[in-house]
Amino acid sequence: EEISPVQVLISDSGPHSFHVSWAPVLD
């Protein structure tokens, strides 16, 4: 089954960078 990423999270936001993470991770 090909599931699209269901959530994108932005965290650790600073003036010049931020962290992006997503789920789920699929084989």
mmCIF file of all heavy atoms, coordinates in Angstrom:
data_MODEL
# 
_entry.id   MODEL 
# 
loop_
_atom_site.group_PDB 
_atom_site.id 
_atom_site.type_symbol 
_atom_site.label_atom_id 
_atom_site.label_alt_id 
_atom_site.label_comp_id 
_atom_site.label_asym_id 
_atom_site.label_entity_id 
_atom_site.label_seq_id 
_atom_site.pdbx_PDB_ins_code 
_atom_site.Cartn_x 
_atom_site.Cartn_y 
_atom_site.Cartn_z 
_atom_site.occupancy 
_atom_site.B_iso_or_equiv 
_atom_site.pdbx_formal_charge 
_atom_site.auth_seq_id 
_atom_site.auth_comp_id 
_atom_site.auth_asym_id 
_atom_site.auth_atom_id 
_atom_site.pdbx_PDB_model_num 
ATOM 1   N N   . GLU A 1 1  ? 0.838  -1.187 0.000  1.00 0.00 ? 1  GLU A N   1 
ATOM 2   C CA  . GLU A 1 1  ? 0.000  0.000  0.000  1.00 0.00 ? 1  GLU A CA  1 
ATOM 3   C C   . GLU A 1 1  ? 0.875  1.239  0.000  1.00 0.00 ? 1  GLU A C   1 
ATOM 4   O O   . GLU A 1 1  ? 1.859  1.307  0.734  1.00 0.00 ? 1  GLU A O   1 
ATOM 5   C CB  . GLU A 1 1  ? -0.886 -0.008 1.238  1.00 0.00 ? 1  GLU A CB  1 
ATOM 6   C CG  . GLU A 1 1  ? -2.025 0.939  1.136  1.00 0.00 ? 1  GLU A CG  1 
ATOM 7   C CD  . GLU A 1 1  ? -3.150 0.567  2.088  1.00 0.00 ? 1  GLU A CD  1 
ATOM 8   O OE1 . GLU A 1 1  ? -2.904 -0.132 3.062  1.00 0.00 ? 1  GLU A OE1 1 
ATOM 9   O OE2 . GLU A 1 1  ? -4.261 1.010  1.815  1.00 0.00 ? 1  GLU A OE2 1 
ATOM 10  N N   . GLU A 1 2  ? 0.525  2.212  -0.812 1.00 0.00 ? 2  GLU A N   1 
ATOM 11  C CA  . GLU A 1 2  ? 1.319  3.433  -0.886 1.00 0.00 ? 2  GLU A CA  1 
ATOM 12  C C   . GLU A 1 2  ? 0.558  4.547  -0.195 1.00 0.00 ? 2  GLU A C   1 
ATOM 13  O O   . GLU A 1 2  ? -0.407 5.086  -0.703 1.00 0.00 ? 2  GLU A O   1 
ATOM 14  C CB  . GLU A 1 2  ? 1.644  3.759  -2.342 1.00 0.00 ? 2  GLU A CB  1 
ATOM 15  C CG  . GLU A 1 2  ? 2.489  2.634  -2.910 1.00 0.00 ? 2  GLU A CG  1 
ATOM 16  C CD  . GLU A 1 2  ? 2.993  2.877  -4.299 1.00 0.00 ? 2  GLU A CD  1 
ATOM 17  O OE1 . GLU A 1 2  ? 2.490  3.785  -4.955 1.00 0.00 ? 2  GLU A OE1 1 
ATOM 18  O OE2 . GLU A 1 2  ? 3.896  2.147  -4.716 1.00 0.00 ? 2  GLU A OE2 1 
ATOM 19  N N   . ILE A 1 3  ? 0.988  4.815  1.026  1.00 0.00 ? 3  ILE A N   1 
ATOM 20  C CA  . ILE A 1 3  ? 0.298  5.805  1.855  1.00 0.00 ? 3  ILE A CA  1 
ATOM 21  C C   . ILE A 1 3  ? 1.102  7.093  1.763  1.00 0.00 ? 3  ILE A C   1 
ATOM 22  O O   . ILE A 1 3  ? 2.325  7.061  1.848  1.00 0.00 ? 3  ILE A O   1 
ATOM 23  C CB  . ILE A 1 3  ? 0.254  5.338  3.326  1.00 0.00 ? 3  ILE A CB  1 
ATOM 24  C CG1 . ILE A 1 3  ? -0.243 3.893  3.401  1.00 0.00 ? 3  ILE A CG1 1 
ATOM 25  C CG2 . ILE A 1 3  ? -0.601 6.254  4.170  1.00 0.00 ? 3  ILE A CG2 1 
ATOM 26  C CD1 . ILE A 1 3  ? -0.027 3.242  4.735  1.00 0.00 ? 3  ILE A CD1 1 
ATOM 27  N N   . SER A 1 4  ? 0.414  8.193  1.597  1.00 0.00 ? 4  SER A N   1 
ATOM 28  C CA  . SER A 1 4  ? 1.146  9.452  1.582  1.00 0.00 ? 4  SER A CA  1 
ATOM 29  C C   . SER A 1 4  ? 1.535  9.798  3.014  1.00 0.00 ? 4  SER A C   1 
ATOM 30  O O   . SER A 1 4  ? 0.942  9.306  3.965  1.00 0.00 ? 4  SER A O   1 
ATOM 31  C CB  . SER A 1 4  ? 0.283  10.549 0.979  1.00 0.00 ? 4  SER A CB  1 
ATOM 32  O OG  . SER A 1 4  ? -0.963 10.547 1.601  1.00 0.00 ? 4  SER A OG  1 
ATOM 33  N N   . PRO A 1 5  ? 2.560  10.657 3.167  1.00 0.00 ? 5  PRO A N   1 
ATOM 34  C CA  . PRO A 1 5  ? 2.874  11.116 4.525  1.00 0.00 ? 5  PRO A CA  1 
ATOM 35  C C   . PRO A 1 5  ? 1.609  11.723 5.121  1.00 0.00 ? 5  PRO A C   1 
ATOM 36  O O   . PRO A 1 5  ? 0.942  12.518 4.464  1.00 0.00 ? 5  PRO A O   1 
ATOM 37  C CB  . PRO A 1 5  ? 3.956  12.178 4.308  1.00 0.00 ? 5  PRO A CB  1 
ATOM 38  C CG  . PRO A 1 5  ? 4.542  11.878 2.959  1.00 0.00 ? 5  PRO A CG  1 
ATOM 39  C CD  . PRO A 1 5  ? 3.432  11.262 2.157  1.00 0.00 ? 5  PRO A CD  1 
ATOM 40  N N   . VAL A 1 6  ? 1.234  11.320 6.343  1.00 0.00 ? 6  VAL A N   1 
ATOM 41  C CA  . VAL A 1 6  ? -0.025 11.811 6.896  1.00 0.00 ? 6  VAL A CA  1 
ATOM 42  C C   . VAL A 1 6  ? 0.172  12.990 7.831  1.00 0.00 ? 6  VAL A C   1 
ATOM 43  O O   . VAL A 1 6  ? -0.775 13.679 8.159  1.00 0.00 ? 6  VAL A O   1 
ATOM 44  C CB  . VAL A 1 6  ? -0.802 10.705 7.651  1.00 0.00 ? 6  VAL A CB  1 
ATOM 45  C CG1 . VAL A 1 6  ? -1.351 9.709  6.664  1.00 0.00 ? 6  VAL A CG1 1 
ATOM 46  C CG2 . VAL A 1 6  ? 0.053  10.020 8.683  1.00 0.00 ? 6  VAL A CG2 1 
ATOM 47  N N   . GLN A 1 7  ? 1.388  13.219 8.272  1.00 0.00 ? 7  GLN A N   1 
ATOM 48  C CA  . GLN A 1 7  ? 1.604  14.438 9.045  1.00 0.00 ? 7  GLN A CA  1 
ATOM 49  C C   . GLN A 1 7  ? 3.010  14.957 8.827  1.00 0.00 ? 7  GLN A C   1 
ATOM 50  O O   . GLN A 1 7  ? 3.948  14.194 8.679  1.00 0.00 ? 7  GLN A O   1 
ATOM 51  C CB  . GLN A 1 7  ? 1.329  14.230 10.541 1.00 0.00 ? 7  GLN A CB  1 
ATOM 52  C CG  . GLN A 1 7  ? 2.087  13.098 11.154 1.00 0.00 ? 7  GLN A CG  1 
ATOM 53  C CD  . GLN A 1 7  ? 1.659  12.801 12.586 1.00 0.00 ? 7  GLN A CD  1 
ATOM 54  O OE1 . GLN A 1 7  ? 1.937  11.744 13.082 1.00 0.00 ? 7  GLN A OE1 1 
ATOM 55  N NE2 . GLN A 1 7  ? 1.001  13.730 13.252 1.00 0.00 ? 7  GLN A NE2 1 
ATOM 56  N N   . VAL A 1 8  ? 3.100  16.275 8.759  1.00 0.00 ? 8  VAL A N   1 
ATOM 57  C CA  . VAL A 1 8  ? 4.388  16.952 8.668  1.00 0.00 ? 8  VAL A CA  1 
ATOM 58  C C   . VAL A 1 8  ? 4.453  17.875 9.878  1.00 0.00 ? 8  VAL A C   1 
ATOM 59  O O   . VAL A 1 8  ? 3.554  18.683 10.089 1.00 0.00 ? 8  VAL A O   1 
ATOM 60  C CB  . VAL A 1 8  ? 4.510  17.763 7.357  1.00 0.00 ? 8  VAL A CB  1 
ATOM 61  C CG1 . VAL A 1 8  ? 5.767  18.612 7.376  1.00 0.00 ? 8  VAL A CG1 1 
ATOM 62  C CG2 . VAL A 1 8  ? 4.539  16.823 6.166  1.00 0.00 ? 8  VAL A CG2 1 
ATOM 63  N N   . LEU A 1 9  ? 5.489  17.720 10.676 1.00 0.00 ? 9  LEU A N   1 
ATOM 64  C CA  . LEU A 1 9  ? 5.628  18.519 11.898 1.00 0.00 ? 9  LEU A CA  1 
ATOM 65  C C   . LEU A 1 9  ? 6.825  19.449 11.768 1.00 0.00 ? 9  LEU A C   1 
ATOM 66  O O   . LEU A 1 9  ? 7.893  19.032 11.313 1.00 0.00 ? 9  LEU A O   1 
ATOM 67  C CB  . LEU A 1 9  ? 5.844  17.600 13.110 1.00 0.00 ? 9  LEU A CB  1 
ATOM 68  C CG  . LEU A 1 9  ? 4.701  16.636 13.393 1.00 0.00 ? 9  LEU A CG  1 
ATOM 69  C CD1 . LEU A 1 9  ? 5.106  15.621 14.450 1.00 0.00 ? 9  LEU A CD1 1 
ATOM 70  C CD2 . LEU A 1 9  ? 3.471  17.407 13.859 1.00 0.00 ? 9  LEU A CD2 1 
ATOM 71  N N   . ILE A 1 10 ? 6.632  20.691 12.162 1.00 0.00 ? 10 ILE A N   1 
ATOM 72  C CA  . ILE A 1 10 ? 7.710  21.669 12.174 1.00 0.00 ? 10 ILE A CA  1 
ATOM 73  C C   . ILE A 1 10 ? 8.053  21.944 13.638 1.00 0.00 ? 10 ILE A C   1 
ATOM 74  O O   . ILE A 1 10 ? 7.154  22.187 14.443 1.00 0.00 ? 10 ILE A O   1 
ATOM 75  C CB  . ILE A 1 10 ? 7.260  22.999 11.516 1.00 0.00 ? 10 ILE A CB  1 
ATOM 76  C CG1 . ILE A 1 10 ? 6.641  22.745 10.135 1.00 0.00 ? 10 ILE A CG1 1 
ATOM 77  C CG2 . ILE A 1 10 ? 8.413  23.988 11.458 1.00 0.00 ? 10 ILE A CG2 1 
ATOM 78  C CD1 . ILE A 1 10 ? 7.583  22.260 9.075  1.00 0.00 ? 10 ILE A CD1 1 
ATOM 79  N N   . SER A 1 11 ? 9.342  21.869 13.973 1.00 0.00 ? 11 SER A N   1 
ATOM 80  C CA  . SER A 1 11 ? 9.721  22.124 15.369 1.00 0.00 ? 11 SER A CA  1 
ATOM 81  C C   . SER A 1 11 ? 11.069 22.831 15.405 1.00 0.00 ? 11 SER A C   1 
ATOM 82  O O   . SER A 1 11 ? 11.715 23.018 14.369 1.00 0.00 ? 11 SER A O   1 
ATOM 83  C CB  . SER A 1 11 ? 9.787  20.809 16.153 1.00 0.00 ? 11 SER A CB  1 
ATOM 84  O OG  . SER A 1 11 ? 10.661 19.906 15.515 1.00 0.00 ? 11 SER A OG  1 
ATOM 85  N N   . ASP A 1 12 ? 11.497 23.196 16.618 1.00 0.00 ? 12 ASP A N   1 
ATOM 86  C CA  . ASP A 1 12 ? 12.805 23.826 16.827 1.00 0.00 ? 12 ASP A CA  1 
ATOM 87  C C   . ASP A 1 12 ? 13.036 24.991 15.873 1.00 0.00 ? 12 ASP A C   1 
ATOM 88  O O   . ASP A 1 12 ? 14.085 25.097 15.240 1.00 0.00 ? 12 ASP A O   1 
ATOM 89  C CB  . ASP A 1 12 ? 13.946 22.806 16.636 1.00 0.00 ? 12 ASP A CB  1 
ATOM 90  C CG  . ASP A 1 12 ? 13.830 21.649 17.612 1.00 0.00 ? 12 ASP A CG  1 
ATOM 91  O OD1 . ASP A 1 12 ? 13.166 21.831 18.643 1.00 0.00 ? 12 ASP A OD1 1 
ATOM 92  O OD2 . ASP A 1 12 ? 14.369 20.579 17.323 1.00 0.00 ? 12 ASP A OD2 1 
ATOM 93  N N   . SER A 1 13 ? 12.024 25.828 15.732 1.00 0.00 ? 13 SER A N   1 
ATOM 94  C CA  . SER A 1 13 ? 12.133 26.929 14.788 1.00 0.00 ? 13 SER A CA  1 
ATOM 95  C C   . SER A 1 13 ? 13.014 28.031 15.357 1.00 0.00 ? 13 SER A C   1 
ATOM 96  O O   . SER A 1 13 ? 12.815 28.470 16.487 1.00 0.00 ? 13 SER A O   1 
ATOM 97  C CB  . SER A 1 13 ? 10.728 27.467 14.513 1.00 0.00 ? 13 SER A CB  1 
ATOM 98  O OG  . SER A 1 13 ? 10.802 28.551 13.642 1.00 0.00 ? 13 SER A OG  1 
ATOM 99  N N   . GLY A 1 14 ? 14.027 28.456 14.581 1.00 0.00 ? 14 GLY A N   1 
ATOM 100 C CA  . GLY A 1 14 ? 14.895 29.567 14.966 1.00 0.00 ? 14 GLY A CA  1 
ATOM 101 C C   . GLY A 1 14 ? 14.860 30.616 13.876 1.00 0.00 ? 14 GLY A C   1 
ATOM 102 O O   . GLY A 1 14 ? 14.065 30.512 12.941 1.00 0.00 ? 14 GLY A O   1 
ATOM 103 N N   . PRO A 1 15 ? 15.694 31.647 13.956 1.00 0.00 ? 15 PRO A N   1 
ATOM 104 C CA  . PRO A 1 15 ? 15.681 32.694 12.925 1.00 0.00 ? 15 PRO A CA  1 
ATOM 105 C C   . PRO A 1 15 ? 16.117 32.173 11.554 1.00 0.00 ? 15 PRO A C   1 
ATOM 106 O O   . PRO A 1 15 ? 15.691 32.689 10.529 1.00 0.00 ? 15 PRO A O   1 
ATOM 107 C CB  . PRO A 1 15 ? 16.677 33.738 13.437 1.00 0.00 ? 15 PRO A CB  1 
ATOM 108 C CG  . PRO A 1 15 ? 16.957 33.395 14.848 1.00 0.00 ? 15 PRO A CG  1 
ATOM 109 C CD  . PRO A 1 15 ? 16.620 31.963 15.060 1.00 0.00 ? 15 PRO A CD  1 
ATOM 110 N N   . HIS A 1 16 ? 17.018 31.170 11.526 1.00 0.00 ? 16 HIS A N   1 
ATOM 111 C CA  . HIS A 1 16 ? 17.601 30.748 10.253 1.00 0.00 ? 16 HIS A CA  1 
ATOM 112 C C   . HIS A 1 16 ? 17.400 29.270 9.946  1.00 0.00 ? 16 HIS A C   1 
ATOM 113 O O   . HIS A 1 16 ? 17.958 28.765 8.969  1.00 0.00 ? 16 HIS A O   1 
ATOM 114 C CB  . HIS A 1 16 ? 19.104 31.064 10.232 1.00 0.00 ? 16 HIS A CB  1 
ATOM 115 C CG  . HIS A 1 16 ? 19.383 32.518 10.446 1.00 0.00 ? 16 HIS A CG  1 
ATOM 116 N ND1 . HIS A 1 16 ? 19.084 33.470 9.493  1.00 0.00 ? 16 HIS A ND1 1 
ATOM 117 C CD2 . HIS A 1 16 ? 19.884 33.180 11.516 1.00 0.00 ? 16 HIS A CD2 1 
ATOM 118 C CE1 . HIS A 1 16 ? 19.412 34.663 9.961  1.00 0.00 ? 16 HIS A CE1 1 
ATOM 119 N NE2 . HIS A 1 16 ? 19.891 34.514 11.186 1.00 0.00 ? 16 HIS A NE2 1 
ATOM 120 N N   . SER A 1 17 ? 16.665 28.558 10.781 1.00 0.00 ? 17 SER A N   1 
ATOM 121 C CA  . SER A 1 17 ? 16.494 27.124 10.532 1.00 0.00 ? 17 SER A CA  1 
ATOM 122 C C   . SER A 1 17 ? 15.241 26.616 11.240 1.00 0.00 ? 17 SER A C   1 
ATOM 123 O O   . SER A 1 17 ? 14.713 27.271 12.142 1.00 0.00 ? 17 SER A O   1 
ATOM 124 C CB  . SER A 1 17 ? 17.707 26.341 11.043 1.00 0.00 ? 17 SER A CB  1 
ATOM 125 O OG  . SER A 1 17 ? 17.753 26.416 12.457 1.00 0.00 ? 17 SER A OG  1 
ATOM 126 N N   . PHE A 1 18 ? 14.759 25.462 10.807 1.00 0.00 ? 18 PHE A N   1 
ATOM 127 C CA  . PHE A 1 18 ? 13.747 24.721 11.567 1.00 0.00 ? 18 PHE A CA  1 
ATOM 128 C C   . PHE A 1 18 ? 13.893 23.242 11.238 1.00 0.00 ? 18 PHE A C   1 
ATOM 129 O O   . PHE A 1 18 ? 14.568 22.848 10.278 1.00 0.00 ? 18 PHE A O   1 
ATOM 130 C CB  . PHE A 1 18 ? 12.330 25.229 11.316 1.00 0.00 ? 18 PHE A CB  1 
ATOM 131 C CG  . PHE A 1 18 ? 11.936 25.383 9.867  1.00 0.00 ? 18 PHE A CG  1 
ATOM 132 C CD1 . PHE A 1 18 ? 11.627 24.278 9.081  1.00 0.00 ? 18 PHE A CD1 1 
ATOM 133 C CD2 . PHE A 1 18 ? 11.864 26.646 9.287  1.00 0.00 ? 18 PHE A CD2 1 
ATOM 134 C CE1 . PHE A 1 18 ? 11.260 24.434 7.758  1.00 0.00 ? 18 PHE A CE1 1 
ATOM 135 C CE2 . PHE A 1 18 ? 11.498 26.801 7.948  1.00 0.00 ? 18 PHE A CE2 1 
ATOM 136 C CZ  . PHE A 1 18 ? 11.198 25.693 7.189  1.00 0.00 ? 18 PHE A CZ  1 
ATOM 137 N N   . HIS A 1 19 ? 13.278 22.432 12.080 1.00 0.00 ? 19 HIS A N   1 
ATOM 138 C CA  . HIS A 1 19 ? 13.353 20.992 11.965 1.00 0.00 ? 19 HIS A CA  1 
ATOM 139 C C   . HIS A 1 19 ? 12.041 20.500 11.356 1.00 0.00 ? 19 HIS A C   1 
ATOM 140 O O   . HIS A 1 19 ? 10.974 20.943 11.772 1.00 0.00 ? 19 HIS A O   1 
ATOM 141 C CB  . HIS A 1 19 ? 13.559 20.425 13.384 1.00 0.00 ? 19 HIS A CB  1 
ATOM 142 C CG  . HIS A 1 19 ? 13.794 18.962 13.423 1.00 0.00 ? 19 HIS A CG  1 
ATOM 143 N ND1 . HIS A 1 19 ? 12.817 18.071 13.775 1.00 0.00 ? 19 HIS A ND1 1 
ATOM 144 C CD2 . HIS A 1 19 ? 14.911 18.235 13.168 1.00 0.00 ? 19 HIS A CD2 1 
ATOM 145 C CE1 . HIS A 1 19 ? 13.327 16.838 13.726 1.00 0.00 ? 19 HIS A CE1 1 
ATOM 146 N NE2 . HIS A 1 19 ? 14.583 16.910 13.361 1.00 0.00 ? 19 HIS A NE2 1 
ATOM 147 N N   . VAL A 1 20 ? 12.130 19.628 10.366 1.00 0.00 ? 20 VAL A N   1 
ATOM 148 C CA  . VAL A 1 20 ? 10.939 19.075 9.723  1.00 0.00 ? 20 VAL A CA  1 
ATOM 149 C C   . VAL A 1 20 ? 10.937 17.571 9.964  1.00 0.00 ? 20 VAL A C   1 
ATOM 150 O O   . VAL A 1 20 ? 11.946 16.904 9.737  1.00 0.00 ? 20 VAL A O   1 
ATOM 151 C CB  . VAL A 1 20 ? 10.965 19.317 8.195  1.00 0.00 ? 20 VAL A CB  1 
ATOM 152 C CG1 . VAL A 1 20 ? 9.677  18.820 7.543  1.00 0.00 ? 20 VAL A CG1 1 
ATOM 153 C CG2 . VAL A 1 20 ? 11.190 20.782 7.870  1.00 0.00 ? 20 VAL A CG2 1 
ATOM 154 N N   . SER A 1 21 ? 9.806  17.028 10.442 1.00 0.00 ? 21 SER A N   1 
ATOM 155 C CA  . SER A 1 21 ? 9.704  15.578 10.566 1.00 0.00 ? 21 SER A CA  1 
ATOM 156 C C   . SER A 1 21 ? 8.355  15.142 10.025 1.00 0.00 ? 21 SER A C   1 
ATOM 157 O O   . SER A 1 21 ? 7.437  15.943 9.889  1.00 0.00 ? 21 SER A O   1 
ATOM 158 C CB  . SER A 1 21 ? 9.880  15.134 12.015 1.00 0.00 ? 21 SER A CB  1 
ATOM 159 O OG  . SER A 1 21 ? 8.943  15.776 12.843 1.00 0.00 ? 21 SER A OG  1 
ATOM 160 N N   . TRP A 1 22 ? 8.256  13.859 9.676  1.00 0.00 ? 22 TRP A N   1 
ATOM 161 C CA  . TRP A 1 22 ? 7.017  13.378 9.060  1.00 0.00 ? 22 TRP A CA  1 
ATOM 162 C C   . TRP A 1 22 ? 6.780  11.928 9.446  1.00 0.00 ? 22 TRP A C   1 
ATOM 163 O O   . TRP A 1 22 ? 7.680  11.234 9.922  1.00 0.00 ? 22 TRP A O   1 
ATOM 164 C CB  . TRP A 1 22 ? 7.065  13.538 7.539  1.00 0.00 ? 22 TRP A CB  1 
ATOM 165 C CG  . TRP A 1 22 ? 8.279  12.928 6.912  1.00 0.00 ? 22 TRP A CG  1 
ATOM 166 C CD1 . TRP A 1 22 ? 8.426  11.656 6.480  1.00 0.00 ? 22 TRP A CD1 1 
ATOM 167 C CD2 . TRP A 1 22 ? 9.533  13.585 6.684  1.00 0.00 ? 22 TRP A CD2 1 
ATOM 168 N NE1 . TRP A 1 22 ? 9.685  11.462 5.985  1.00 0.00 ? 22 TRP A NE1 1 
ATOM 169 C CE2 . TRP A 1 22 ? 10.386 12.627 6.093  1.00 0.00 ? 22 TRP A CE2 1 
ATOM 170 C CE3 . TRP A 1 22 ? 10.007 14.879 6.904  1.00 0.00 ? 22 TRP A CE3 1 
ATOM 171 C CZ2 . TRP A 1 22 ? 11.706 12.934 5.731  1.00 0.00 ? 22 TRP A CZ2 1 
ATOM 172 C CZ3 . TRP A 1 22 ? 11.312 15.173 6.545  1.00 0.00 ? 22 TRP A CZ3 1 
ATOM 173 C CH2 . TRP A 1 22 ? 12.141 14.213 5.962  1.00 0.00 ? 22 TRP A CH2 1 
ATOM 174 N N   . ALA A 1 23 ? 5.568  11.482 9.253  1.00 0.00 ? 23 ALA A N   1 
ATOM 175 C CA  . ALA A 1 23 ? 5.166  10.121 9.566  1.00 0.00 ? 23 ALA A CA  1 
ATOM 176 C C   . ALA A 1 23 ? 4.065  9.719  8.588  1.00 0.00 ? 23 ALA A C   1 
ATOM 177 O O   . ALA A 1 23 ? 3.393  10.572 8.035  1.00 0.00 ? 23 ALA A O   1 
ATOM 178 C CB  . ALA A 1 23 ? 4.649  10.058 11.006 1.00 0.00 ? 23 ALA A CB  1 
ATOM 179 N N   . PRO A 1 24 ? 3.819  8.443  8.370  1.00 0.00 ? 24 PRO A N   1 
ATOM 180 C CA  . PRO A 1 24 ? 4.626  7.327  8.878  1.00 0.00 ? 24 PRO A CA  1 
ATOM 181 C C   . PRO A 1 24 ? 5.844  7.090  8.000  1.00 0.00 ? 24 PRO A C   1 
ATOM 182 O O   . PRO A 1 24 ? 5.940  7.632  6.907  1.00 0.00 ? 24 PRO A O   1 
ATOM 183 C CB  . PRO A 1 24 ? 3.659  6.135  8.749  1.00 0.00 ? 24 PRO A CB  1 
ATOM 184 C CG  . PRO A 1 24 ? 2.820  6.490  7.550  1.00 0.00 ? 24 PRO A CG  1 
ATOM 185 C CD  . PRO A 1 24 ? 2.676  7.996  7.580  1.00 0.00 ? 24 PRO A CD  1 
ATOM 186 N N   . VAL A 1 25 ? 6.782  6.255  8.478  1.00 0.00 ? 25 VAL A N   1 
ATOM 187 C CA  . VAL A 1 25 ? 7.922  5.830  7.671  1.00 0.00 ? 25 VAL A CA  1 
ATOM 188 C C   . VAL A 1 25 ? 7.565  4.466  7.098  1.00 0.00 ? 25 VAL A C   1 
ATOM 189 O O   . VAL A 1 25 ? 7.140  3.575  7.828  1.00 0.00 ? 25 VAL A O   1 
ATOM 190 C CB  . VAL A 1 25 ? 9.199  5.747  8.528  1.00 0.00 ? 25 VAL A CB  1 
ATOM 191 C CG1 . VAL A 1 25 ? 10.346 5.167  7.721  1.00 0.00 ? 25 VAL A CG1 1 
ATOM 192 C CG2 . VAL A 1 25 ? 9.567  7.120  9.039  1.00 0.00 ? 25 VAL A CG2 1 
ATOM 193 N N   . LEU A 1 26 ? 7.682  4.304  5.792  1.00 0.00 ? 26 LEU A N   1 
ATOM 194 C CA  . LEU A 1 26 ? 7.230  3.076  5.129  1.00 0.00 ? 26 LEU A CA  1 
ATOM 195 C C   . LEU A 1 26 ? 8.370  2.416  4.371  1.00 0.00 ? 26 LEU A C   1 
ATOM 196 O O   . LEU A 1 26 ? 9.197  3.093  3.775  1.00 0.00 ? 26 LEU A O   1 
ATOM 197 C CB  . LEU A 1 26 ? 6.109  3.420  4.137  1.00 0.00 ? 26 LEU A CB  1 
ATOM 198 C CG  . LEU A 1 26 ? 4.894  4.084  4.774  1.00 0.00 ? 26 LEU A CG  1 
ATOM 199 C CD1 . LEU A 1 26 ? 4.071  4.773  3.723  1.00 0.00 ? 26 LEU A CD1 1 
ATOM 200 C CD2 . LEU A 1 26 ? 4.070  3.042  5.497  1.00 0.00 ? 26 LEU A CD2 1 
ATOM 201 N N   . ASP A 1 27 ? 8.373  1.092  4.370  1.00 0.00 ? 27 ASP A N   1 
ATOM 202 C CA  . ASP A 1 27 ? 9.402  0.351  3.639  1.00 0.00 ? 27 ASP A CA  1 
ATOM 203 C C   . ASP A 1 27 ? 9.323  0.581  2.141  1.00 0.00 ? 27 ASP A C   1 
ATOM 204 O O   . ASP A 1 27 ? 10.296 0.403  1.429  1.00 0.00 ? 27 ASP A O   1 
ATOM 205 C CB  . ASP A 1 27 ? 9.238  -1.158 3.895  1.00 0.00 ? 27 ASP A CB  1 
ATOM 206 C CG  . ASP A 1 27 ? 9.603  -1.515 5.324  1.00 0.00 ? 27 ASP A CG  1 
ATOM 207 O OD1 . ASP A 1 27 ? 10.285 -0.697 5.976  1.00 0.00 ? 27 ASP A OD1 1 
ATOM 208 O OD2 . ASP A 1 27 ? 9.206  -2.600 5.778  1.00 0.00 ? 27 ASP A OD2 1 
# 
